[in-house]
Full PDB file with SEQRES, HELIX, SHEET, SSBOND, CRYST1, ORIGX, SCALE, CONECT and MASTER records, all heavy atoms in Angstrom:
SEQRES   1 A   40  GLU LEU VAL ALA THR MET ASP ALA LEU GLY SER THR ASN          
SEQRES   2 A   40  TYR ALA VAL PHE VAL GLN GLY ARG PHE LEU ILE SER ARG          
SEQRES   3 A   40  ASP ASN THR LYS ASN THR VAL TYR LEU GLN MET ASN SER          
SEQRES   4 A   40  LEU                                                          
HELIX    1 AA1 VAL A   16  VAL A   18  5                                   3    
SHEET    1 AA1 2 ALA A   4  MET A   6  0                                        
SHEET    2 AA1 2 THR A  12  TYR A  14 -1                                        
SHEET    1 AA2 2 PHE A  22  ASP A  27  0                                        
SHEET    2 AA2 2 THR A  32  MET A  37 -1                                        
CRYST1    1.000    1.000    1.000  90.00  90.00  90.00 P 1           1          
ORIGX1      1.000000  0.000000  0.000000        0.00000                         
ORIGX2      0.000000  1.000000  0.000000        0.00000                         
ORIGX3      0.000000  0.000000  1.000000        0.00000                         
SCALE1      1.000000  0.000000  0.000000        0.00000                         
SCALE2      0.000000  1.000000  0.000000        0.00000                         
SCALE3      0.000000  0.000000  1.000000        0.00000                         
ATOM      1  N   GLU A   1      16.789 -31.360  -6.205  1.00  0.00           N  
ATOM      2  CA  GLU A   1      16.211 -32.682  -6.389  1.00  0.00           C  
ATOM      3  C   GLU A   1      15.440 -32.753  -7.690  1.00  0.00           C  
ATOM      4  O   GLU A   1      14.961 -31.770  -8.261  1.00  0.00           O  
ATOM      5  CB  GLU A   1      15.271 -33.014  -5.252  1.00  0.00           C  
ATOM      6  CG  GLU A   1      14.059 -32.067  -5.070  1.00  0.00           C  
ATOM      7  CD  GLU A   1      13.204 -32.313  -3.894  1.00  0.00           C  
ATOM      8  OE1 GLU A   1      13.513 -33.329  -3.172  1.00  0.00           O  
ATOM      9  OE2 GLU A   1      12.260 -31.595  -3.662  1.00  0.00           O  
ATOM     10  N   LEU A   2      15.378 -33.946  -8.251  1.00  0.00           N  
ATOM     11  CA  LEU A   2      14.699 -34.240  -9.485  1.00  0.00           C  
ATOM     12  C   LEU A   2      13.221 -34.104  -9.268  1.00  0.00           C  
ATOM     13  O   LEU A   2      12.656 -34.568  -8.310  1.00  0.00           O  
ATOM     14  CB  LEU A   2      15.066 -35.590 -10.014  1.00  0.00           C  
ATOM     15  CG  LEU A   2      14.413 -36.079 -11.316  1.00  0.00           C  
ATOM     16  CD1 LEU A   2      15.389 -37.040 -12.010  1.00  0.00           C  
ATOM     17  CD2 LEU A   2      13.078 -36.769 -11.114  1.00  0.00           C  
ATOM     18  N   VAL A   3      12.530 -33.443 -10.213  1.00  0.00           N  
ATOM     19  CA  VAL A   3      11.080 -33.358 -10.212  1.00  0.00           C  
ATOM     20  C   VAL A   3      10.511 -34.251 -11.329  1.00  0.00           C  
ATOM     21  O   VAL A   3       9.614 -35.081 -11.083  1.00  0.00           O  
ATOM     22  CB  VAL A   3      10.602 -31.884 -10.411  1.00  0.00           C  
ATOM     23  CG1 VAL A   3       9.089 -31.803 -10.508  1.00  0.00           C  
ATOM     24  CG2 VAL A   3      11.143 -31.031  -9.283  1.00  0.00           C  
ATOM     25  N   ALA A   4      10.935 -34.039 -12.546  1.00  0.00           N  
ATOM     26  CA  ALA A   4      10.401 -34.818 -13.680  1.00  0.00           C  
ATOM     27  C   ALA A   4      11.456 -34.755 -14.835  1.00  0.00           C  
ATOM     28  O   ALA A   4      12.145 -33.799 -14.975  1.00  0.00           O  
ATOM     29  CB  ALA A   4       9.067 -34.181 -14.112  1.00  0.00           C  
ATOM     30  N   THR A   5      11.458 -35.881 -15.579  1.00  0.00           N  
ATOM     31  CA  THR A   5      12.335 -35.899 -16.728  1.00  0.00           C  
ATOM     32  C   THR A   5      11.576 -36.467 -17.964  1.00  0.00           C  
ATOM     33  O   THR A   5      10.561 -37.129 -17.801  1.00  0.00           O  
ATOM     34  CB  THR A   5      13.579 -36.781 -16.527  1.00  0.00           C  
ATOM     35  OG1 THR A   5      13.115 -38.123 -16.208  1.00  0.00           O  
ATOM     36  CG2 THR A   5      14.364 -36.241 -15.359  1.00  0.00           C  
ATOM     37  N   MET A   6      12.128 -36.112 -19.130  1.00  0.00           N  
ATOM     38  CA  MET A   6      11.580 -36.664 -20.356  1.00  0.00           C  
ATOM     39  C   MET A   6      12.781 -36.953 -21.210  1.00  0.00           C  
ATOM     40  O   MET A   6      13.606 -36.035 -21.464  1.00  0.00           O  
ATOM     41  CB  MET A   6      10.592 -35.660 -21.058  1.00  0.00           C  
ATOM     42  CG  MET A   6      10.160 -36.109 -22.396  1.00  0.00           C  
ATOM     43  SD  MET A   6       9.039 -34.936 -23.218  1.00  0.00           S  
ATOM     44  CE  MET A   6       7.510 -35.284 -22.348  1.00  0.00           C  
ATOM     45  N   ASP A   7      12.890 -38.151 -21.721  1.00  0.00           N  
ATOM     46  CA  ASP A   7      14.037 -38.436 -22.592  1.00  0.00           C  
ATOM     47  C   ASP A   7      13.739 -38.000 -23.987  1.00  0.00           C  
ATOM     48  O   ASP A   7      12.670 -37.512 -24.339  1.00  0.00           O  
ATOM     49  CB  ASP A   7      14.468 -39.917 -22.491  1.00  0.00           C  
ATOM     50  CG  ASP A   7      13.408 -40.874 -23.066  1.00  0.00           C  
ATOM     51  OD1 ASP A   7      12.533 -40.433 -23.835  1.00  0.00           O  
ATOM     52  OD2 ASP A   7      13.474 -42.093 -22.780  1.00  0.00           O  
ATOM     53  N   ALA A   8      14.751 -38.172 -24.883  1.00  0.00           N  
ATOM     54  CA  ALA A   8      14.580 -37.693 -26.308  1.00  0.00           C  
ATOM     55  C   ALA A   8      13.419 -38.363 -27.045  1.00  0.00           C  
ATOM     56  O   ALA A   8      12.855 -37.772 -27.973  1.00  0.00           O  
ATOM     57  CB  ALA A   8      15.930 -37.896 -27.010  1.00  0.00           C  
ATOM     58  N   LEU A   9      13.064 -39.569 -26.576  1.00  0.00           N  
ATOM     59  CA  LEU A   9      11.962 -40.302 -27.230  1.00  0.00           C  
ATOM     60  C   LEU A   9      10.595 -39.939 -26.642  1.00  0.00           C  
ATOM     61  O   LEU A   9       9.574 -40.389 -27.167  1.00  0.00           O  
ATOM     62  CB  LEU A   9      12.188 -41.778 -27.192  1.00  0.00           C  
ATOM     63  CG  LEU A   9      13.449 -42.284 -27.875  1.00  0.00           C  
ATOM     64  CD1 LEU A   9      13.585 -43.802 -27.695  1.00  0.00           C  
ATOM     65  CD2 LEU A   9      13.382 -41.931 -29.350  1.00  0.00           C  
ATOM     66  N   GLY A  10      10.628 -39.172 -25.531  1.00  0.00           N  
ATOM     67  CA  GLY A  10       9.352 -38.731 -24.937  1.00  0.00           C  
ATOM     68  C   GLY A  10       8.923 -39.545 -23.698  1.00  0.00           C  
ATOM     69  O   GLY A  10       7.844 -39.266 -23.148  1.00  0.00           O  
ATOM     70  N   SER A  11       9.752 -40.465 -23.314  1.00  0.00           N  
ATOM     71  CA  SER A  11       9.408 -41.238 -22.079  1.00  0.00           C  
ATOM     72  C   SER A  11       9.601 -40.338 -20.849  1.00  0.00           C  
ATOM     73  O   SER A  11      10.599 -39.599 -20.761  1.00  0.00           O  
ATOM     74  CB  SER A  11      10.267 -42.460 -21.930  1.00  0.00           C  
ATOM     75  OG  SER A  11       9.961 -43.399 -22.957  1.00  0.00           O  
ATOM     76  N   THR A  12       8.687 -40.411 -19.913  1.00  0.00           N  
ATOM     77  CA  THR A  12       8.731 -39.514 -18.764  1.00  0.00           C  
ATOM     78  C   THR A  12       8.965 -40.286 -17.429  1.00  0.00           C  
ATOM     79  O   THR A  12       8.675 -41.452 -17.355  1.00  0.00           O  
ATOM     80  CB  THR A  12       7.390 -38.725 -18.625  1.00  0.00           C  
ATOM     81  OG1 THR A  12       6.337 -39.637 -18.488  1.00  0.00           O  
ATOM     82  CG2 THR A  12       7.199 -37.818 -19.871  1.00  0.00           C  
ATOM     83  N   ASN A  13       9.465 -39.529 -16.454  1.00  0.00           N  
ATOM     84  CA  ASN A  13       9.720 -40.064 -15.152  1.00  0.00           C  
ATOM     85  C   ASN A  13       9.389 -38.928 -14.152  1.00  0.00           C  
ATOM     86  O   ASN A  13       9.756 -37.807 -14.417  1.00  0.00           O  
ATOM     87  CB  ASN A  13      11.139 -40.541 -15.032  1.00  0.00           C  
ATOM     88  CG  ASN A  13      11.425 -41.130 -13.684  1.00  0.00           C  
ATOM     89  OD1 ASN A  13      10.761 -42.009 -13.158  1.00  0.00           O  
ATOM     90  ND2 ASN A  13      12.457 -40.549 -13.018  1.00  0.00           N  
ATOM     91  N   TYR A  14       8.786 -39.319 -13.020  1.00  0.00           N  
ATOM     92  CA  TYR A  14       8.385 -38.320 -12.026  1.00  0.00           C  
ATOM     93  C   TYR A  14       8.862 -38.681 -10.635  1.00  0.00           C  
ATOM     94  O   TYR A  14       8.866 -39.875 -10.322  1.00  0.00           O  
ATOM     95  CB  TYR A  14       6.889 -38.093 -12.021  1.00  0.00           C  
ATOM     96  CG  TYR A  14       6.318 -37.576 -13.262  1.00  0.00           C  
ATOM     97  CD1 TYR A  14       5.888 -38.392 -14.284  1.00  0.00           C  
ATOM     98  CD2 TYR A  14       6.210 -36.200 -13.442  1.00  0.00           C  
ATOM     99  CE1 TYR A  14       5.338 -37.892 -15.470  1.00  0.00           C  
ATOM    100  CE2 TYR A  14       5.666 -35.661 -14.649  1.00  0.00           C  
ATOM    101  CZ  TYR A  14       5.252 -36.476 -15.626  1.00  0.00           C  
ATOM    102  OH  TYR A  14       4.723 -35.980 -16.773  1.00  0.00           O  
ATOM    103  N   ALA A  15       9.221 -37.674  -9.895  1.00  0.00           N  
ATOM    104  CA  ALA A  15       9.462 -37.957  -8.426  1.00  0.00           C  
ATOM    105  C   ALA A  15       8.158 -38.366  -7.781  1.00  0.00           C  
ATOM    106  O   ALA A  15       7.085 -37.929  -8.207  1.00  0.00           O  
ATOM    107  CB  ALA A  15      10.032 -36.713  -7.779  1.00  0.00           C  
ATOM    108  N   VAL A  16       8.292 -39.216  -6.782  1.00  0.00           N  
ATOM    109  CA  VAL A  16       7.057 -39.705  -6.129  1.00  0.00           C  
ATOM    110  C   VAL A  16       6.164 -38.561  -5.613  1.00  0.00           C  
ATOM    111  O   VAL A  16       4.949 -38.602  -5.692  1.00  0.00           O  
ATOM    112  CB  VAL A  16       7.451 -40.667  -5.004  1.00  0.00           C  
ATOM    113  CG1 VAL A  16       6.240 -41.026  -4.163  1.00  0.00           C  
ATOM    114  CG2 VAL A  16       8.087 -41.927  -5.532  1.00  0.00           C  
ATOM    115  N   PHE A  17       6.852 -37.549  -5.126  1.00  0.00           N  
ATOM    116  CA  PHE A  17       6.104 -36.461  -4.440  1.00  0.00           C  
ATOM    117  C   PHE A  17       5.341 -35.586  -5.436  1.00  0.00           C  
ATOM    118  O   PHE A  17       4.571 -34.734  -4.976  1.00  0.00           O  
ATOM    119  CB  PHE A  17       7.013 -35.664  -3.536  1.00  0.00           C  
ATOM    120  CG  PHE A  17       8.205 -35.077  -4.189  1.00  0.00           C  
ATOM    121  CD1 PHE A  17       8.181 -33.999  -5.055  1.00  0.00           C  
ATOM    122  CD2 PHE A  17       9.493 -35.688  -4.061  1.00  0.00           C  
ATOM    123  CE1 PHE A  17       9.275 -33.523  -5.673  1.00  0.00           C  
ATOM    124  CE2 PHE A  17      10.614 -35.223  -4.636  1.00  0.00           C  
ATOM    125  CZ  PHE A  17      10.534 -34.132  -5.453  1.00  0.00           C  
ATOM    126  N   VAL A  18       5.511 -35.751  -6.708  1.00  0.00           N  
ATOM    127  CA  VAL A  18       4.712 -34.956  -7.686  1.00  0.00           C  
ATOM    128  C   VAL A  18       3.858 -35.820  -8.607  1.00  0.00           C  
ATOM    129  O   VAL A  18       3.067 -35.264  -9.417  1.00  0.00           O  
ATOM    130  CB  VAL A  18       5.630 -34.036  -8.543  1.00  0.00           C  
ATOM    131  CG1 VAL A  18       6.443 -33.160  -7.689  1.00  0.00           C  
ATOM    132  CG2 VAL A  18       6.484 -34.857  -9.528  1.00  0.00           C  
ATOM    133  N   GLN A  19       3.932 -37.101  -8.458  1.00  0.00           N  
ATOM    134  CA  GLN A  19       3.130 -37.999  -9.290  1.00  0.00           C  
ATOM    135  C   GLN A  19       1.611 -37.671  -9.131  1.00  0.00           C  
ATOM    136  O   GLN A  19       1.166 -37.535  -8.082  1.00  0.00           O  
ATOM    137  CB  GLN A  19       3.400 -39.407  -9.038  1.00  0.00           C  
ATOM    138  CG  GLN A  19       4.747 -39.905  -9.552  1.00  0.00           C  
ATOM    139  CD  GLN A  19       4.968 -41.362  -9.294  1.00  0.00           C  
ATOM    140  OE1 GLN A  19       4.246 -42.028  -8.554  1.00  0.00           O  
ATOM    141  NE2 GLN A  19       6.127 -41.852  -9.791  1.00  0.00           N  
ATOM    142  N   GLY A  20       1.001 -37.504 -10.316  1.00  0.00           N  
ATOM    143  CA  GLY A  20      -0.445 -37.224 -10.318  1.00  0.00           C  
ATOM    144  C   GLY A  20      -0.758 -35.719 -10.249  1.00  0.00           C  
ATOM    145  O   GLY A  20      -1.871 -35.340 -10.406  1.00  0.00           O  
ATOM    146  N   ARG A  21       0.253 -34.900  -9.938  1.00  0.00           N  
ATOM    147  CA  ARG A  21       0.059 -33.455  -9.855  1.00  0.00           C  
ATOM    148  C   ARG A  21       0.771 -32.720 -10.919  1.00  0.00           C  
ATOM    149  O   ARG A  21       0.286 -31.654 -11.339  1.00  0.00           O  
ATOM    150  CB  ARG A  21       0.518 -32.976  -8.441  1.00  0.00           C  
ATOM    151  CG  ARG A  21      -0.215 -33.618  -7.284  1.00  0.00           C  
ATOM    152  CD  ARG A  21       0.108 -32.923  -5.981  1.00  0.00           C  
ATOM    153  NE  ARG A  21       1.528 -33.017  -5.608  1.00  0.00           N  
ATOM    154  CZ  ARG A  21       2.323 -31.949  -5.363  1.00  0.00           C  
ATOM    155  NH1 ARG A  21       1.816 -30.743  -5.425  1.00  0.00           N  
ATOM    156  NH2 ARG A  21       3.601 -32.100  -5.060  1.00  0.00           N  
ATOM    157  N   PHE A  22       1.911 -33.110 -11.266  1.00  0.00           N  
ATOM    158  CA  PHE A  22       2.784 -32.386 -12.255  1.00  0.00           C  
ATOM    159  C   PHE A  22       2.848 -33.175 -13.558  1.00  0.00           C  
ATOM    160  O   PHE A  22       2.754 -34.407 -13.568  1.00  0.00           O  
ATOM    161  CB  PHE A  22       4.187 -32.247 -11.742  1.00  0.00           C  
ATOM    162  CG  PHE A  22       4.377 -31.304 -10.583  1.00  0.00           C  
ATOM    163  CD1 PHE A  22       3.282 -30.803  -9.862  1.00  0.00           C  
ATOM    164  CD2 PHE A  22       5.636 -30.902 -10.160  1.00  0.00           C  
ATOM    165  CE1 PHE A  22       3.389 -29.904  -8.786  1.00  0.00           C  
ATOM    166  CE2 PHE A  22       5.803 -30.080  -9.105  1.00  0.00           C  
ATOM    167  CZ  PHE A  22       4.667 -29.587  -8.439  1.00  0.00           C  
ATOM    168  N   LEU A  23       2.988 -32.456 -14.694  1.00  0.00           N  
ATOM    169  CA  LEU A  23       3.094 -33.070 -15.958  1.00  0.00           C  
ATOM    170  C   LEU A  23       4.195 -32.340 -16.763  1.00  0.00           C  
ATOM    171  O   LEU A  23       4.128 -31.124 -16.950  1.00  0.00           O  
ATOM    172  CB  LEU A  23       1.784 -32.973 -16.752  1.00  0.00           C  
ATOM    173  CG  LEU A  23       1.747 -33.561 -18.125  1.00  0.00           C  
ATOM    174  CD1 LEU A  23       1.933 -35.082 -18.039  1.00  0.00           C  
ATOM    175  CD2 LEU A  23       0.480 -33.182 -18.857  1.00  0.00           C  
ATOM    176  N   ILE A  24       5.155 -33.110 -17.248  1.00  0.00           N  
ATOM    177  CA  ILE A  24       6.218 -32.560 -18.114  1.00  0.00           C  
ATOM    178  C   ILE A  24       5.831 -32.806 -19.576  1.00  0.00           C  
ATOM    179  O   ILE A  24       5.309 -33.851 -19.875  1.00  0.00           O  
ATOM    180  CB  ILE A  24       7.611 -33.206 -17.778  1.00  0.00           C  
ATOM    181  CG1 ILE A  24       8.710 -32.471 -18.622  1.00  0.00           C  
ATOM    182  CG2 ILE A  24       7.599 -34.674 -18.028  1.00  0.00           C  
ATOM    183  CD1 ILE A  24      10.104 -32.934 -18.180  1.00  0.00           C  
ATOM    184  N   SER A  25       6.049 -31.823 -20.378  1.00  0.00           N  
ATOM    185  CA  SER A  25       5.812 -31.921 -21.825  1.00  0.00           C  
ATOM    186  C   SER A  25       6.807 -31.139 -22.609  1.00  0.00           C  
ATOM    187  O   SER A  25       7.536 -30.341 -22.063  1.00  0.00           O  
ATOM    188  CB  SER A  25       4.358 -31.473 -22.130  1.00  0.00           C  
ATOM    189  OG  SER A  25       4.190 -30.083 -21.821  1.00  0.00           O  
ATOM    190  N   ARG A  26       6.789 -31.345 -23.911  1.00  0.00           N  
ATOM    191  CA  ARG A  26       7.795 -30.746 -24.784  1.00  0.00           C  
ATOM    192  C   ARG A  26       7.137 -30.382 -26.111  1.00  0.00           C  
ATOM    193  O   ARG A  26       6.414 -31.149 -26.678  1.00  0.00           O  
ATOM    194  CB  ARG A  26       8.998 -31.627 -24.982  1.00  0.00           C  
ATOM    195  CG  ARG A  26      10.160 -31.051 -25.775  1.00  0.00           C  
ATOM    196  CD  ARG A  26      11.256 -32.041 -25.815  1.00  0.00           C  
ATOM    197  NE  ARG A  26      10.945 -33.196 -26.658  1.00  0.00           N  
ATOM    198  CZ  ARG A  26      11.343 -34.420 -26.393  1.00  0.00           C  
ATOM    199  NH1 ARG A  26      12.072 -34.702 -25.318  1.00  0.00           N  
ATOM    200  NH2 ARG A  26      11.009 -35.417 -27.190  1.00  0.00           N  
ATOM    201  N   ASP A  27       7.468 -29.146 -26.604  1.00  0.00           N  
ATOM    202  CA  ASP A  27       7.015 -28.771 -27.938  1.00  0.00           C  
ATOM    203  C   ASP A  27       8.263 -28.518 -28.751  1.00  0.00           C  
ATOM    204  O   ASP A  27       8.945 -27.549 -28.614  1.00  0.00           O  
ATOM    205  CB  ASP A  27       6.215 -27.475 -27.825  1.00  0.00           C  
ATOM    206  CG  ASP A  27       5.569 -27.005 -29.132  1.00  0.00           C  
ATOM    207  OD1 ASP A  27       6.092 -27.450 -30.170  1.00  0.00           O  
ATOM    208  OD2 ASP A  27       4.596 -26.287 -29.132  1.00  0.00           O  
ATOM    209  N   ASN A  28       8.506 -29.539 -29.628  1.00  0.00           N  
ATOM    210  CA  ASN A  28       9.778 -29.443 -30.448  1.00  0.00           C  
ATOM    211  C   ASN A  28       9.732 -28.268 -31.421  1.00  0.00           C  
ATOM    212  O   ASN A  28      10.773 -27.735 -31.751  1.00  0.00           O  
ATOM    213  CB  ASN A  28       9.965 -30.771 -31.124  1.00  0.00           C  
ATOM    214  CG  ASN A  28      10.367 -31.894 -30.227  1.00  0.00           C  
ATOM    215  OD1 ASN A  28      10.857 -31.674 -29.104  1.00  0.00           O  
ATOM    216  ND2 ASN A  28      10.053 -33.117 -30.636  1.00  0.00           N  
ATOM    217  N   THR A  29       8.559 -27.909 -31.840  1.00  0.00           N  
ATOM    218  CA  THR A  29       8.487 -26.784 -32.831  1.00  0.00           C  
ATOM    219  C   THR A  29       8.847 -25.460 -32.173  1.00  0.00           C  
ATOM    220  O   THR A  29       9.347 -24.572 -32.830  1.00  0.00           O  
ATOM    221  CB  THR A  29       7.085 -26.659 -33.380  1.00  0.00           C  
ATOM    222  OG1 THR A  29       6.162 -26.312 -32.352  1.00  0.00           O  
ATOM    223  CG2 THR A  29       6.640 -27.979 -34.068  1.00  0.00           C  
ATOM    224  N   LYS A  30       8.676 -25.372 -30.809  1.00  0.00           N  
ATOM    225  CA  LYS A  30       9.043 -24.168 -30.109  1.00  0.00           C  
ATOM    226  C   LYS A  30      10.337 -24.331 -29.321  1.00  0.00           C  
ATOM    227  O   LYS A  30      10.805 -23.380 -28.671  1.00  0.00           O  
ATOM    228  CB  LYS A  30       7.871 -23.762 -29.158  1.00  0.00           C  
ATOM    229  CG  LYS A  30       6.604 -23.366 -29.853  1.00  0.00           C  
ATOM    230  CD  LYS A  30       5.549 -22.948 -28.837  1.00  0.00           C  
ATOM    231  CE  LYS A  30       4.282 -22.550 -29.563  1.00  0.00           C  
ATOM    232  NZ  LYS A  30       3.231 -22.128 -28.615  1.00  0.00           N  
ATOM    233  N   ASN A  31      10.844 -25.564 -29.418  1.00  0.00           N  
ATOM    234  CA  ASN A  31      12.084 -25.879 -28.647  1.00  0.00           C  
ATOM    235  C   ASN A  31      11.941 -25.507 -27.171  1.00  0.00           C  
ATOM    236  O   ASN A  31      12.806 -24.852 -26.553  1.00  0.00           O  
ATOM    237  CB  ASN A  31      13.315 -25.178 -29.251  1.00  0.00           C  
ATOM    238  CG  ASN A  31      14.593 -25.994 -28.994  1.00  0.00           C  
ATOM    239  OD1 ASN A  31      14.536 -27.191 -28.805  1.00  0.00           O  
ATOM    240  ND2 ASN A  31      15.667 -25.299 -29.083  1.00  0.00           N  
ATOM    241  N   THR A  32      10.793 -25.924 -26.587  1.00  0.00           N  
ATOM    242  CA  THR A  32      10.411 -25.522 -25.251  1.00  0.00           C  
ATOM    243  C   THR A  32       9.901 -26.696 -24.466  1.00  0.00           C  
ATOM    244  O   THR A  32       9.195 -27.566 -25.041  1.00  0.00           O  
ATOM    245  CB  THR A  32       9.374 -24.412 -25.290  1.00  0.00           C  
ATOM    246  OG1 THR A  32       9.873 -23.302 -25.928  1.00  0.00           O  
ATOM    247  CG2 THR A  32       8.953 -23.980 -23.859  1.00  0.00           C  
ATOM    248  N   VAL A  33      10.316 -26.820 -23.228  1.00  0.00           N  
ATOM    249  CA  VAL A  33       9.830 -27.794 -22.330  1.00  0.00           C  
ATOM    250  C   VAL A  33       8.945 -27.160 -21.277  1.00  0.00           C  
ATOM    251  O   VAL A  33       9.255 -26.039 -20.808  1.00  0.00           O  
ATOM    252  CB  VAL A  33      10.980 -28.549 -21.642  1.00  0.00           C  
ATOM    253  CG1 VAL A  33      10.487 -29.535 -20.582  1.00  0.00           C  
ATOM    254  CG2 VAL A  33      11.783 -29.319 -22.678  1.00  0.00           C  
ATOM    255  N   TYR A  34       7.884 -27.838 -20.848  1.00  0.00           N  
ATOM    256  CA  TYR A  34       6.945 -27.299 -19.926  1.00  0.00           C  
ATOM    257  C   TYR A  34       6.823 -28.167 -18.651  1.00  0.00           C  
ATOM    258  O   TYR A  34       7.070 -29.365 -18.764  1.00  0.00           O  
ATOM    259  CB  TYR A  34       5.580 -27.141 -20.537  1.00  0.00           C  
ATOM    260  CG  TYR A  34       5.508 -26.310 -21.790  1.00  0.00           C  
ATOM    261  CD1 TYR A  34       5.612 -26.899 -23.056  1.00  0.00           C  
ATOM    262  CD2 TYR A  34       5.472 -24.939 -21.716  1.00  0.00           C  
ATOM    263  CE1 TYR A  34       5.566 -26.161 -24.208  1.00  0.00           C  
ATOM    264  CE2 TYR A  34       5.392 -24.156 -22.880  1.00  0.00           C  
ATOM    265  CZ  TYR A  34       5.513 -24.774 -24.136  1.00  0.00           C  
ATOM    266  OH  TYR A  34       5.486 -24.030 -25.255  1.00  0.00           O  
ATOM    267  N   LEU A  35       6.409 -27.555 -17.572  1.00  0.00           N  
ATOM    268  CA  LEU A  35       6.048 -28.252 -16.393  1.00  0.00           C  
ATOM    269  C   LEU A  35       4.719 -27.735 -15.915  1.00  0.00           C  
ATOM    270  O   LEU A  35       4.676 -26.578 -15.366  1.00  0.00           O  
ATOM    271  CB  LEU A  35       7.140 -28.173 -15.337  1.00  0.00           C  
ATOM    272  CG  LEU A  35       6.830 -29.038 -14.082  1.00  0.00           C  
ATOM    273  CD1 LEU A  35       7.000 -30.514 -14.419  1.00  0.00           C  
ATOM    274  CD2 LEU A  35       7.824 -28.681 -12.929  1.00  0.00           C  
ATOM    275  N   GLN A  36       3.686 -28.476 -16.077  1.00  0.00           N  
ATOM    276  CA  GLN A  36       2.391 -28.093 -15.589  1.00  0.00           C  
ATOM    277  C   GLN A  36       2.288 -28.581 -14.147  1.00  0.00           C  
ATOM    278  O   GLN A  36       2.435 -29.798 -13.820  1.00  0.00           O  
ATOM    279  CB  GLN A  36       1.262 -28.698 -16.415  1.00  0.00           C  
ATOM    280  CG  GLN A  36      -0.129 -28.427 -15.889  1.00  0.00           C  
ATOM    281  CD  GLN A  36      -0.482 -26.952 -15.987  1.00  0.00           C  
ATOM    282  OE1 GLN A  36      -0.194 -26.279 -17.008  1.00  0.00           O  
ATOM    283  NE2 GLN A  36      -1.076 -26.417 -14.976  1.00  0.00           N  
ATOM    284  N   MET A  37       2.057 -27.688 -13.221  1.00  0.00           N  
ATOM    285  CA  MET A  37       2.048 -28.000 -11.833  1.00  0.00           C  
ATOM    286  C   MET A  37       0.643 -27.701 -11.262  1.00  0.00           C  
ATOM    287  O   MET A  37       0.178 -26.540 -11.285  1.00  0.00           O  
ATOM    288  CB  MET A  37       3.039 -27.218 -11.059  1.00  0.00           C  
ATOM    289  CG  MET A  37       4.468 -27.373 -11.615  1.00  0.00           C  
ATOM    290  SD  MET A  37       5.730 -26.556 -10.557  1.00  0.00           S  
ATOM    291  CE  MET A  37       5.238 -24.870 -10.698  1.00  0.00           C  
ATOM    292  N   ASN A  38      -0.070 -28.728 -10.780  1.00  0.00           N  
ATOM    293  CA  ASN A  38      -1.402 -28.578 -10.255  1.00  0.00           C  
ATOM    294  C   ASN A  38      -1.409 -28.985  -8.784  1.00  0.00           C  
ATOM    295  O   ASN A  38      -0.458 -29.646  -8.287  1.00  0.00           O  
ATOM    296  CB  ASN A  38      -2.370 -29.464 -11.015  1.00  0.00           C  
ATOM    297  CG  ASN A  38      -2.433 -29.139 -12.478  1.00  0.00           C  
ATOM    298  OD1 ASN A  38      -2.378 -27.958 -12.862  1.00  0.00           O  
ATOM    299  ND2 ASN A  38      -2.523 -30.112 -13.301  1.00  0.00           N  
ATOM    300  N   SER A  39      -2.426 -28.593  -8.066  1.00  0.00           N  
ATOM    301  CA  SER A  39      -2.587 -28.953  -6.699  1.00  0.00           C  
ATOM    302  C   SER A  39      -1.318 -28.628  -5.873  1.00  0.00           C  
ATOM    303  O   SER A  39      -0.827 -29.425  -5.091  1.00  0.00           O  
ATOM    304  CB  SER A  39      -2.943 -30.439  -6.554  1.00  0.00           C  
ATOM    305  OG  SER A  39      -4.122 -30.713  -7.246  1.00  0.00           O  
ATOM    306  N   LEU A  40      -0.832 -27.446  -6.072  1.00  0.00           N  
ATOM    307  CA  LEU A  40       0.419 -27.079  -5.437  1.00  0.00           C  
ATOM    308  C   LEU A  40       0.260 -26.961  -3.931  1.00  0.00           C  
ATOM    309  O   LEU A  40      -0.772 -26.632  -3.389  1.00  0.00           O  
ATOM    310  CB  LEU A  40       0.894 -25.697  -6.056  1.00  0.00           C  
ATOM    311  CG  LEU A  40       1.516 -25.827  -7.383  1.00  0.00           C  
ATOM    312  CD1 LEU A  40       1.549 -24.505  -8.096  1.00  0.00           C  
ATOM    313  CD2 LEU A  40       2.927 -26.429  -7.310  1.00  0.00           C  
TER     314      LEU A  40                                                      
MASTER        0    0    0    1    4    0    0    6  313    1    0    4          
END                                                                             
């Protein structure tokens, strides 16, 4: 199942069950995407 997405322009989308707890981000200089998960 989908958790979170980020398009090439940086727009994000989250599954309802993680909204407010998870954060997707991207560092283009490191070519890395992150998922910060809180309140697990």
